């Protein structure tokens, strides 16, 4: 990575620190943790750590991750669309693609941070509920490495979804098209859950990491991760070539 790209990335991080991005990064996993906390408390008998952590990961992959990525990409794009600062940024003596690559890197990094938050906050909420109500305290072994691996694979499988949302958010000055893409994608992923064709939906790929059929997980990783990286590179290249957004 060249020094200009590092400089642009540093600027993007400072912008995010002054935005609502960190609040969003905390809110999404926090909501999952709160839900898990009350679900444990309302139980009548103990369940395993695996069940509770899988439930939290499934909620993240199935709904909260797509919605969070939709909101996050719209927020990152609005930081430039709102004040109409693209003309100034694109006139700077730096490679244009670095502007978009830095934003894409920040989106992926924040999504990874939220994934880590799901792991940390969900486990903490389940443990706390068990302390308050010992009868439902989680049983079995807390397999941290396995839970982290699952959430990491979900992030990889979600790369295609992130790339599409990123392109839509940066391509259009209005946030409406990007929101429509995110909400529509999540809706169709939900209604197509049981269909075999649903595995090819980018918004359904993260949750397919939990599928019992190996081919679903392999498809999610291959298309979501491999094709997702290609689409992300193409999106950055396309945005950098445009004169007017």
C-alpha atoms as a PDB file:
ATOM      1  CA  UNK A   1       0.000   0.000   0.000  1.00  0.00           C
ATOM      2  CA  UNK A   2       1.461   3.311  -1.065  1.00  0.00           C
ATOM      3  CA  UNK A   3       1.850   6.287   1.304  1.00  0.00           C
ATOM      4  CA  UNK A   4      -0.932   8.348  -0.422  1.00  0.00           C
ATOM      5  CA  UNK A   5      -3.379   5.513   0.192  1.00  0.00           C
ATOM      6  CA  UNK A   6      -2.358   5.340   3.839  1.00  0.00           C
ATOM      7  CA  UNK A   7      -2.921   9.084   4.132  1.00  0.00           C
ATOM      8  CA  UNK A   8      -6.377   8.832   2.595  1.00  0.00           C
ATOM      9  CA  UNK A   9      -7.225   5.913   4.873  1.00  0.00           C
ATOM     10  CA  UNK A  10      -6.106   7.919   7.907  1.00  0.00           C
ATOM     11  CA  UNK A  11      -8.379  10.791   6.869  1.00  0.00           C
ATOM     12  CA  UNK A  12     -11.325   8.418   6.422  1.00  0.00           C
ATOM     13  CA  UNK A  13     -10.801   6.998   9.900  1.00  0.00           C
ATOM     14  CA  UNK A  14     -10.830  10.509  11.387  1.00  0.00           C
ATOM     15  CA  UNK A  15     -14.037  11.282   9.507  1.00  0.00           C
ATOM     16  CA  UNK A  16     -15.679   8.163  10.880  1.00  0.00           C
ATOM     17  CA  UNK A  17     -14.636   9.095  14.403  1.00  0.00           C
ATOM     18  CA  UNK A  18     -16.639  12.308  14.021  1.00  0.00           C
ATOM     19  CA  UNK A  19     -19.681  10.528  12.573  1.00  0.00           C
ATOM     20  CA  UNK A  20     -22.319   8.138  13.903  1.00  0.00           C
ATOM     21  CA  UNK A  21     -20.461   5.116  12.515  1.00  0.00           C
ATOM     22  CA  UNK A  22     -19.094   4.003  15.881  1.00  0.00           C
ATOM     23  CA  UNK A  23     -22.548   4.357  17.443  1.00  0.00           C
ATOM     24  CA  UNK A  24     -23.922   2.103  14.721  1.00  0.00           C
ATOM     25  CA  UNK A  25     -21.068  -0.341  15.255  1.00  0.00           C
ATOM     26  CA  UNK A  26     -22.034  -0.611  18.929  1.00  0.00           C
ATOM     27  CA  UNK A  27     -25.809  -0.554  18.479  1.00  0.00           C
ATOM     28  CA  UNK A  28     -26.123  -3.501  16.089  1.00  0.00           C
ATOM     29  CA  UNK A  29     -24.345  -6.137  18.230  1.00  0.00           C
ATOM     30  CA  UNK A  30     -25.784  -4.511  21.350  1.00  0.00           C
ATOM     31  CA  UNK A  31     -29.344  -5.160  20.204  1.00  0.00           C
ATOM     32  CA  UNK A  32     -28.523  -8.805  19.539  1.00  0.00           C
ATOM     33  CA  UNK A  33     -26.999  -9.089  23.005  1.00  0.00           C
ATOM     34  CA  UNK A  34     -30.053  -7.542  24.684  1.00  0.00           C
ATOM     35  CA  UNK A  35     -32.339  -9.927  22.809  1.00  0.00           C
ATOM     36  CA  UNK A  36     -30.201 -12.909  23.812  1.00  0.00           C
ATOM     37  CA  UNK A  37     -30.117 -11.756  27.444  1.00  0.00           C
ATOM     38  CA  UNK A  38     -33.905 -11.754  27.775  1.00  0.00           C
ATOM     39  CA  UNK A  39     -34.258 -14.981  25.813  1.00  0.00           C
ATOM     40  CA  UNK A  40     -32.011 -16.733  28.327  1.00  0.00           C
ATOM     41  CA  UNK A  41     -33.880 -15.234  31.281  1.00  0.00           C
ATOM     42  CA  UNK A  42     -37.276 -16.352  30.010  1.00  0.00           C
ATOM     43  CA  UNK A  43     -36.066 -19.939  29.601  1.00  0.00           C
ATOM     44  CA  UNK A  44     -37.083 -22.653  32.066  1.00  0.00           C
ATOM     45  CA  UNK A  45     -34.061 -24.905  31.691  1.00  0.00           C
ATOM     46  CA  UNK A  46     -30.418 -24.561  30.758  1.00  0.00           C
ATOM     47  CA  UNK A  47     -29.232 -24.696  27.159  1.00  0.00           C
ATOM     48  CA  UNK A  48     -25.739 -25.044  25.754  1.00  0.00           C
ATOM     49  CA  UNK A  49     -23.327 -22.275  24.877  1.00  0.00           C
ATOM     50  CA  UNK A  50     -23.381 -23.557  21.298  1.00  0.00           C
ATOM     51  CA  UNK A  51     -27.114 -22.988  20.994  1.00  0.00           C
ATOM     52  CA  UNK A  52     -27.051 -19.442  22.347  1.00  0.00           C
ATOM     53  CA  UNK A  53     -24.001 -18.357  20.377  1.00  0.00           C
ATOM     54  CA  UNK A  54     -25.343 -19.920  17.179  1.00  0.00           C
ATOM     55  CA  UNK A  55     -28.638 -18.086  17.682  1.00  0.00           C
ATOM     56  CA  UNK A  56     -26.820 -14.778  18.085  1.00  0.00           C
ATOM     57  CA  UNK A  57     -24.681 -15.412  15.020  1.00  0.00           C
ATOM     58  CA  UNK A  58     -27.746 -16.387  12.987  1.00  0.00           C
ATOM     59  CA  UNK A  59     -29.586 -13.170  13.886  1.00  0.00           C
ATOM     60  CA  UNK A  60     -26.502 -11.182  12.925  1.00  0.00           C
ATOM     61  CA  UNK A  61     -26.053 -12.936   9.577  1.00  0.00           C
ATOM     62  CA  UNK A  62     -29.729 -13.176   8.665  1.00  0.00           C
ATOM     63  CA  UNK A  63     -30.907  -9.658   9.440  1.00  0.00           C
ATOM     64  CA  UNK A  64     -28.669  -7.336  11.436  1.00  0.00           C
ATOM     65  CA  UNK A  65     -25.584  -7.636   9.214  1.00  0.00           C
ATOM     66  CA  UNK A  66     -27.433  -6.757   5.967  1.00  0.00           C
ATOM     67  CA  UNK A  67     -29.241  -3.848   7.643  1.00  0.00           C
ATOM     68  CA  UNK A  68     -26.049  -2.612   9.328  1.00  0.00           C
ATOM     69  CA  UNK A  69     -24.094  -2.721   6.063  1.00  0.00           C
ATOM     70  CA  UNK A  70     -26.915  -0.826   4.340  1.00  0.00           C
ATOM     71  CA  UNK A  71     -26.864   1.895   6.987  1.00  0.00           C
ATOM     72  CA  UNK A  72     -23.062   1.995   7.199  1.00  0.00           C
ATOM     73  CA  UNK A  73     -22.458   2.358   3.460  1.00  0.00           C
ATOM     74  CA  UNK A  74     -25.136   5.053   3.252  1.00  0.00           C
ATOM     75  CA  UNK A  75     -23.466   6.906   6.132  1.00  0.00           C
ATOM     76  CA  UNK A  76     -19.991   6.666   4.590  1.00  0.00           C
ATOM     77  CA  UNK A  77     -21.312   7.905   1.241  1.00  0.00           C
ATOM     78  CA  UNK A  78     -23.326  10.750   2.780  1.00  0.00           C
ATOM     79  CA  UNK A  79     -20.182  12.206   4.360  1.00  0.00           C
ATOM     80  CA  UNK A  80     -19.219  13.295   0.832  1.00  0.00           C
ATOM     81  CA  UNK A  81     -22.600  13.444  -0.912  1.00  0.00           C
ATOM     82  CA  UNK A  82     -24.086  15.710   1.775  1.00  0.00           C
ATOM     83  CA  UNK A  83     -21.604  18.614   1.605  1.00  0.00           C
ATOM     84  CA  UNK A  84     -20.953  17.930  -2.122  1.00  0.00           C
ATOM     85  CA  UNK A  85     -17.244  17.517  -1.504  1.00  0.00           C
ATOM     86  CA  UNK A  86     -16.514  15.025  -4.285  1.00  0.00           C
ATOM     87  CA  UNK A  87     -15.257  17.681  -6.712  1.00  0.00           C
ATOM     88  CA  UNK A  88     -12.720  18.862  -4.151  1.00  0.00           C
ATOM     89  CA  UNK A  89     -11.573  15.352  -3.241  1.00  0.00           C
ATOM     90  CA  UNK A  90     -11.219  14.224  -6.834  1.00  0.00           C
ATOM     91  CA  UNK A  91      -9.118  17.304  -7.635  1.00  0.00           C
ATOM     92  CA  UNK A  92      -6.489  16.370  -5.044  1.00  0.00           C
ATOM     93  CA  UNK A  93      -3.112  15.109  -6.346  1.00  0.00           C
ATOM     94  CA  UNK A  94      -3.748  11.511  -5.282  1.00  0.00           C
ATOM     95  CA  UNK A  95      -5.009   8.475  -7.204  1.00  0.00           C
ATOM     96  CA  UNK A  96      -8.781   8.708  -7.446  1.00  0.00           C
ATOM     97  CA  UNK A  97      -9.237   5.036  -6.768  1.00  0.00           C
ATOM     98  CA  UNK A  98      -7.588   5.467  -3.376  1.00  0.00           C
ATOM     99  CA  UNK A  99     -10.526   7.633  -2.231  1.00  0.00           C
ATOM    100  CA  UNK A 100     -12.974   4.804  -2.813  1.00  0.00           C
ATOM    101  CA  UNK A 101     -10.634   2.017  -1.739  1.00  0.00           C
ATOM    102  CA  UNK A 102     -10.150   3.741   1.621  1.00  0.00           C
ATOM    103  CA  UNK A 103     -13.897   4.016   2.129  1.00  0.00           C
ATOM    104  CA  UNK A 104     -14.381   0.359   1.191  1.00  0.00           C
ATOM    105  CA  UNK A 105     -11.654  -0.675   3.630  1.00  0.00           C
ATOM    106  CA  UNK A 106     -13.345   1.305   6.409  1.00  0.00           C
ATOM    107  CA  UNK A 107     -16.706  -0.318   5.705  1.00  0.00           C
ATOM    108  CA  UNK A 108     -15.207  -3.808   5.834  1.00  0.00           C
ATOM    109  CA  UNK A 109     -13.203  -2.977   8.971  1.00  0.00           C
ATOM    110  CA  UNK A 110     -16.282  -1.650  10.764  1.00  0.00           C
ATOM    111  CA  UNK A 111     -18.285  -4.707   9.733  1.00  0.00           C
ATOM    112  CA  UNK A 112     -15.512  -6.871  11.173  1.00  0.00           C
ATOM    113  CA  UNK A 113     -15.618  -4.768  14.349  1.00  0.00           C
ATOM    114  CA  UNK A 114     -19.368  -5.338  14.607  1.00  0.00           C
ATOM    115  CA  UNK A 115     -18.817  -9.077  14.123  1.00  0.00           C
ATOM    116  CA  UNK A 116     -16.377  -9.042  17.030  1.00  0.00           C
ATOM    117  CA  UNK A 117     -18.948  -7.080  19.004  1.00  0.00           C
ATOM    118  CA  UNK A 118     -21.559  -9.753  18.366  1.00  0.00           C
ATOM    119  CA  UNK A 119     -19.192 -12.361  19.797  1.00  0.00           C
ATOM    120  CA  UNK A 120     -18.175 -10.313  22.831  1.00  0.00           C
ATOM    121  CA  UNK A 121     -21.549  -8.826  23.765  1.00  0.00           C
ATOM    122  CA  UNK A 122     -23.592 -11.952  23.063  1.00  0.00           C
ATOM    123  CA  UNK A 123     -21.361 -14.116  25.217  1.00  0.00           C
ATOM    124  CA  UNK A 124     -21.367 -11.490  27.985  1.00  0.00           C
ATOM    125  CA  UNK A 125     -25.159 -11.176  27.936  1.00  0.00           C
ATOM    126  CA  UNK A 126     -25.679 -14.950  28.077  1.00  0.00           C
ATOM    127  CA  UNK A 127     -23.206 -15.241  30.952  1.00  0.00           C
ATOM    128  CA  UNK A 128     -24.861 -12.375  32.843  1.00  0.00           C
ATOM    129  CA  UNK A 129     -28.316 -13.891  32.418  1.00  0.00           C
ATOM    130  CA  UNK A 130     -26.955 -17.146  33.816  1.00  0.00           C
ATOM    131  CA  UNK A 131     -25.551 -15.327  36.847  1.00  0.00           C
ATOM    132  CA  UNK A 132     -28.896 -13.656  37.501  1.00  0.00           C
ATOM    133  CA  UNK A 133     -30.838 -16.879  36.995  1.00  0.00           C
ATOM    134  CA  UNK A 134     -28.535 -19.854  37.702  1.00  0.00           C
ATOM    135  CA  UNK A 135     -31.149 -22.405  36.609  1.00  0.00           C
ATOM    136  CA  UNK A 136     -30.702 -21.334  32.985  1.00  0.00           C
ATOM    137  CA  UNK A 137     -26.938 -20.788  33.028  1.00  0.00           C
ATOM    138  CA  UNK A 138     -25.406 -22.022  29.751  1.00  0.00           C
ATOM    139  CA  UNK A 139     -23.949 -25.509  29.762  1.00  0.00           C
ATOM    140  CA  UNK A 140     -21.100 -27.132  27.906  1.00  0.00           C
ATOM    141  CA  UNK A 141     -17.819 -25.643  26.694  1.00  0.00           C
ATOM    142  CA  UNK A 142     -17.525 -22.056  25.489  1.00  0.00           C
ATOM    143  CA  UNK A 143     -15.659 -22.666  22.228  1.00  0.00           C
ATOM    144  CA  UNK A 144     -14.329 -19.165  21.534  1.00  0.00           C
ATOM    145  CA  UNK A 145     -12.212 -20.191  18.537  1.00  0.00           C
ATOM    146  CA  UNK A 146     -15.149 -21.875  16.794  1.00  0.00           C
ATOM    147  CA  UNK A 147     -17.531 -18.963  17.380  1.00  0.00           C
ATOM    148  CA  UNK A 148     -14.924 -16.506  16.090  1.00  0.00           C
ATOM    149  CA  UNK A 149     -14.329 -18.720  13.036  1.00  0.00           C
ATOM    150  CA  UNK A 150     -18.038 -18.787  12.202  1.00  0.00           C
ATOM    151  CA  UNK A 151     -18.372 -15.018  12.438  1.00  0.00           C
ATOM    152  CA  UNK A 152     -15.216 -14.593  10.375  1.00  0.00           C
ATOM    153  CA  UNK A 153     -16.583 -16.848   7.637  1.00  0.00           C
ATOM    154  CA  UNK A 154     -19.833 -14.875   7.694  1.00  0.00           C
ATOM    155  CA  UNK A 155     -17.846 -11.719   7.035  1.00  0.00           C
ATOM    156  CA  UNK A 156     -16.082 -13.380   4.092  1.00  0.00           C
ATOM    157  CA  UNK A 157     -19.394 -14.653   2.696  1.00  0.00           C
ATOM    158  CA  UNK A 158     -20.872 -11.176   3.084  1.00  0.00           C
ATOM    159  CA  UNK A 159     -18.227  -9.505   0.914  1.00  0.00           C
ATOM    160  CA  UNK A 160     -20.403  -9.630  -2.210  1.00  0.00           C
ATOM    161  CA  UNK A 161     -23.301  -8.025  -0.356  1.00  0.00           C
ATOM    162  CA  UNK A 162     -20.966  -5.343   1.028  1.00  0.00           C
ATOM    163  CA  UNK A 163     -19.578  -4.650  -2.454  1.00  0.00           C
ATOM    164  CA  UNK A 164     -23.052  -4.210  -3.970  1.00  0.00           C
ATOM    165  CA  UNK A 165     -24.218  -1.944  -1.151  1.00  0.00           C
ATOM    166  CA  UNK A 166     -21.003   0.066  -1.324  1.00  0.00           C
ATOM    167  CA  UNK A 167     -21.346   0.620  -5.055  1.00  0.00           C
ATOM    168  CA  UNK A 168     -25.018   1.639  -4.769  1.00  0.00           C
ATOM    169  CA  UNK A 169     -24.335   4.059  -1.910  1.00  0.00           C
ATOM    170  CA  UNK A 170     -21.367   5.762  -3.596  1.00  0.00           C
ATOM    171  CA  UNK A 171     -22.846   5.706  -7.102  1.00  0.00           C
ATOM    172  CA  UNK A 172     -25.999   7.676  -6.301  1.00  0.00           C
ATOM    173  CA  UNK A 173     -26.046  11.015  -4.500  1.00  0.00           C
ATOM    174  CA  UNK A 174     -29.426  10.153  -2.963  1.00  0.00           C
ATOM    175  CA  UNK A 175     -29.454   7.561  -0.207  1.00  0.00           C
ATOM    176  CA  UNK A 176     -32.797   6.169  -1.431  1.00  0.00           C
ATOM    177  CA  UNK A 177     -31.414   3.758  -4.106  1.00  0.00           C
ATOM    178  CA  UNK A 178     -28.935   2.235  -1.654  1.00  0.00           C
ATOM    179  CA  UNK A 179     -31.622   1.806   1.006  1.00  0.00           C
ATOM    180  CA  UNK A 180     -33.958   0.256  -1.559  1.00  0.00           C
ATOM    181  CA  UNK A 181     -31.249  -2.216  -2.589  1.00  0.00           C
ATOM    182  CA  UNK A 182     -30.496  -3.161   1.025  1.00  0.00           C
ATOM    183  CA  UNK A 183     -34.100  -3.512   2.154  1.00  0.00           C
ATOM    184  CA  UNK A 184     -35.107  -5.322  -1.024  1.00  0.00           C
ATOM    185  CA  UNK A 185     -32.145  -7.687  -0.841  1.00  0.00           C
ATOM    186  CA  UNK A 186     -32.848  -8.544   2.791  1.00  0.00           C
ATOM    187  CA  UNK A 187     -36.554  -9.076   2.081  1.00  0.00           C
ATOM    188  CA  UNK A 188     -35.977 -11.474  -0.808  1.00  0.00           C
ATOM    189  CA  UNK A 189     -33.287 -13.312   1.151  1.00  0.00           C
ATOM    190  CA  UNK A 190     -35.781 -13.895   3.967  1.00  0.00           C
ATOM    191  CA  UNK A 191     -38.613 -15.137   1.758  1.00  0.00           C
ATOM    192  CA  UNK A 192     -36.241 -17.342  -0.260  1.00  0.00           C
ATOM    193  CA  UNK A 193     -34.657 -18.999   2.763  1.00  0.00           C
ATOM    194  CA  UNK A 194     -36.014 -22.472   2.006  1.00  0.00           C
ATOM    195  CA  UNK A 195     -35.411 -22.282  -1.763  1.00  0.00           C
ATOM    196  CA  UNK A 196     -32.280 -23.806  -3.262  1.00  0.00           C
ATOM    197  CA  UNK A 197     -31.932 -20.770  -5.515  1.00  0.00           C
ATOM    198  CA  UNK A 198     -31.796 -18.586  -2.427  1.00  0.00           C
ATOM    199  CA  UNK A 199     -28.202 -19.649  -1.849  1.00  0.00           C
ATOM    200  CA  UNK A 200     -27.204 -17.396  -4.743  1.00  0.00           C
ATOM    201  CA  UNK A 201     -28.692 -14.320  -3.069  1.00  0.00           C
ATOM    202  CA  UNK A 202     -25.793 -12.146  -1.803  1.00  0.00           C
ATOM    203  CA  UNK A 203     -27.833 -11.141   1.252  1.00  0.00           C
ATOM    204  CA  UNK A 204     -28.397 -14.780   2.196  1.00  0.00           C
ATOM    205  CA  UNK A 205     -24.794 -15.906   1.871  1.00  0.00           C
ATOM    206  CA  UNK A 206     -23.634 -14.997   5.420  1.00  0.00           C
ATOM    207  CA  UNK A 207     -26.343 -17.092   7.092  1.00  0.00           C
ATOM    208  CA  UNK A 208     -25.546 -20.044   4.810  1.00  0.00           C
ATOM    209  CA  UNK A 209     -22.321 -20.472   6.779  1.00  0.00           C
ATOM    210  CA  UNK A 210     -24.588 -22.133   9.363  1.00  0.00           C
ATOM    211  CA  UNK A 211     -26.229 -24.453   6.812  1.00  0.00           C
ATOM    212  CA  UNK A 212     -26.039 -28.181   7.428  1.00  0.00           C
ATOM    213  CA  UNK A 213     -25.464 -28.842   3.708  1.00  0.00           C
ATOM    214  CA  UNK A 214     -21.787 -28.398   2.903  1.00  0.00           C
ATOM    215  CA  UNK A 215     -22.506 -27.149  -0.626  1.00  0.00           C
ATOM    216  CA  UNK A 216     -24.411 -24.149   0.735  1.00  0.00           C
ATOM    217  CA  UNK A 217     -21.480 -23.048   2.869  1.00  0.00           C
ATOM    218  CA  UNK A 218     -19.009 -23.651   0.036  1.00  0.00           C
ATOM    219  CA  UNK A 219     -21.170 -21.657  -2.378  1.00  0.00           C
ATOM    220  CA  UNK A 220     -21.472 -18.809   0.096  1.00  0.00           C
ATOM    221  CA  UNK A 221     -17.711 -18.649   0.572  1.00  0.00           C
ATOM    222  CA  UNK A 222     -16.877 -19.052  -3.108  1.00  0.00           C
ATOM    223  CA  UNK A 223     -19.374 -16.556  -4.480  1.00  0.00           C
ATOM    224  CA  UNK A 224     -19.676 -14.297  -1.471  1.00  0.00           C
ATOM    225  CA  UNK A 225     -15.947 -14.098  -0.829  1.00  0.00           C
ATOM    226  CA  UNK A 226     -14.270 -14.699  -4.186  1.00  0.00           C
ATOM    227  CA  UNK A 227     -16.776 -12.983  -6.459  1.00  0.00           C
ATOM    228  CA  UNK A 228     -17.359 -10.364  -3.793  1.00  0.00           C
ATOM    229  CA  UNK A 229     -13.715  -9.292  -3.894  1.00  0.00           C
ATOM    230  CA  UNK A 230     -13.845  -9.029  -7.684  1.00  0.00           C
ATOM    231  CA  UNK A 231     -17.033  -6.941  -7.568  1.00  0.00           C
ATOM    232  CA  UNK A 232     -15.541  -4.679  -4.910  1.00  0.00           C
ATOM    233  CA  UNK A 233     -12.458  -4.028  -7.063  1.00  0.00           C
ATOM    234  CA  UNK A 234     -14.654  -3.362 -10.095  1.00  0.00           C
ATOM    235  CA  UNK A 235     -16.834  -0.996  -8.061  1.00  0.00           C
ATOM    236  CA  UNK A 236     -13.811   1.017  -6.928  1.00  0.00           C
ATOM    237  CA  UNK A 237     -12.486   1.163 -10.504  1.00  0.00           C
ATOM    238  CA  UNK A 238     -15.865   2.226 -11.889  1.00  0.00           C
ATOM    239  CA  UNK A 239     -16.418   4.936  -9.285  1.00  0.00           C
ATOM    240  CA  UNK A 240     -12.907   6.294  -9.822  1.00  0.00           C
ATOM    241  CA  UNK A 241     -13.523   6.710 -13.561  1.00  0.00           C
ATOM    242  CA  UNK A 242     -16.753   8.657 -13.229  1.00  0.00           C
ATOM    243  CA  UNK A 243     -16.526  12.424 -13.616  1.00  0.00           C
ATOM    244  CA  UNK A 244     -19.816  13.225 -11.941  1.00  0.00           C
ATOM    245  CA  UNK A 245     -21.548  11.300  -9.203  1.00  0.00           C
END
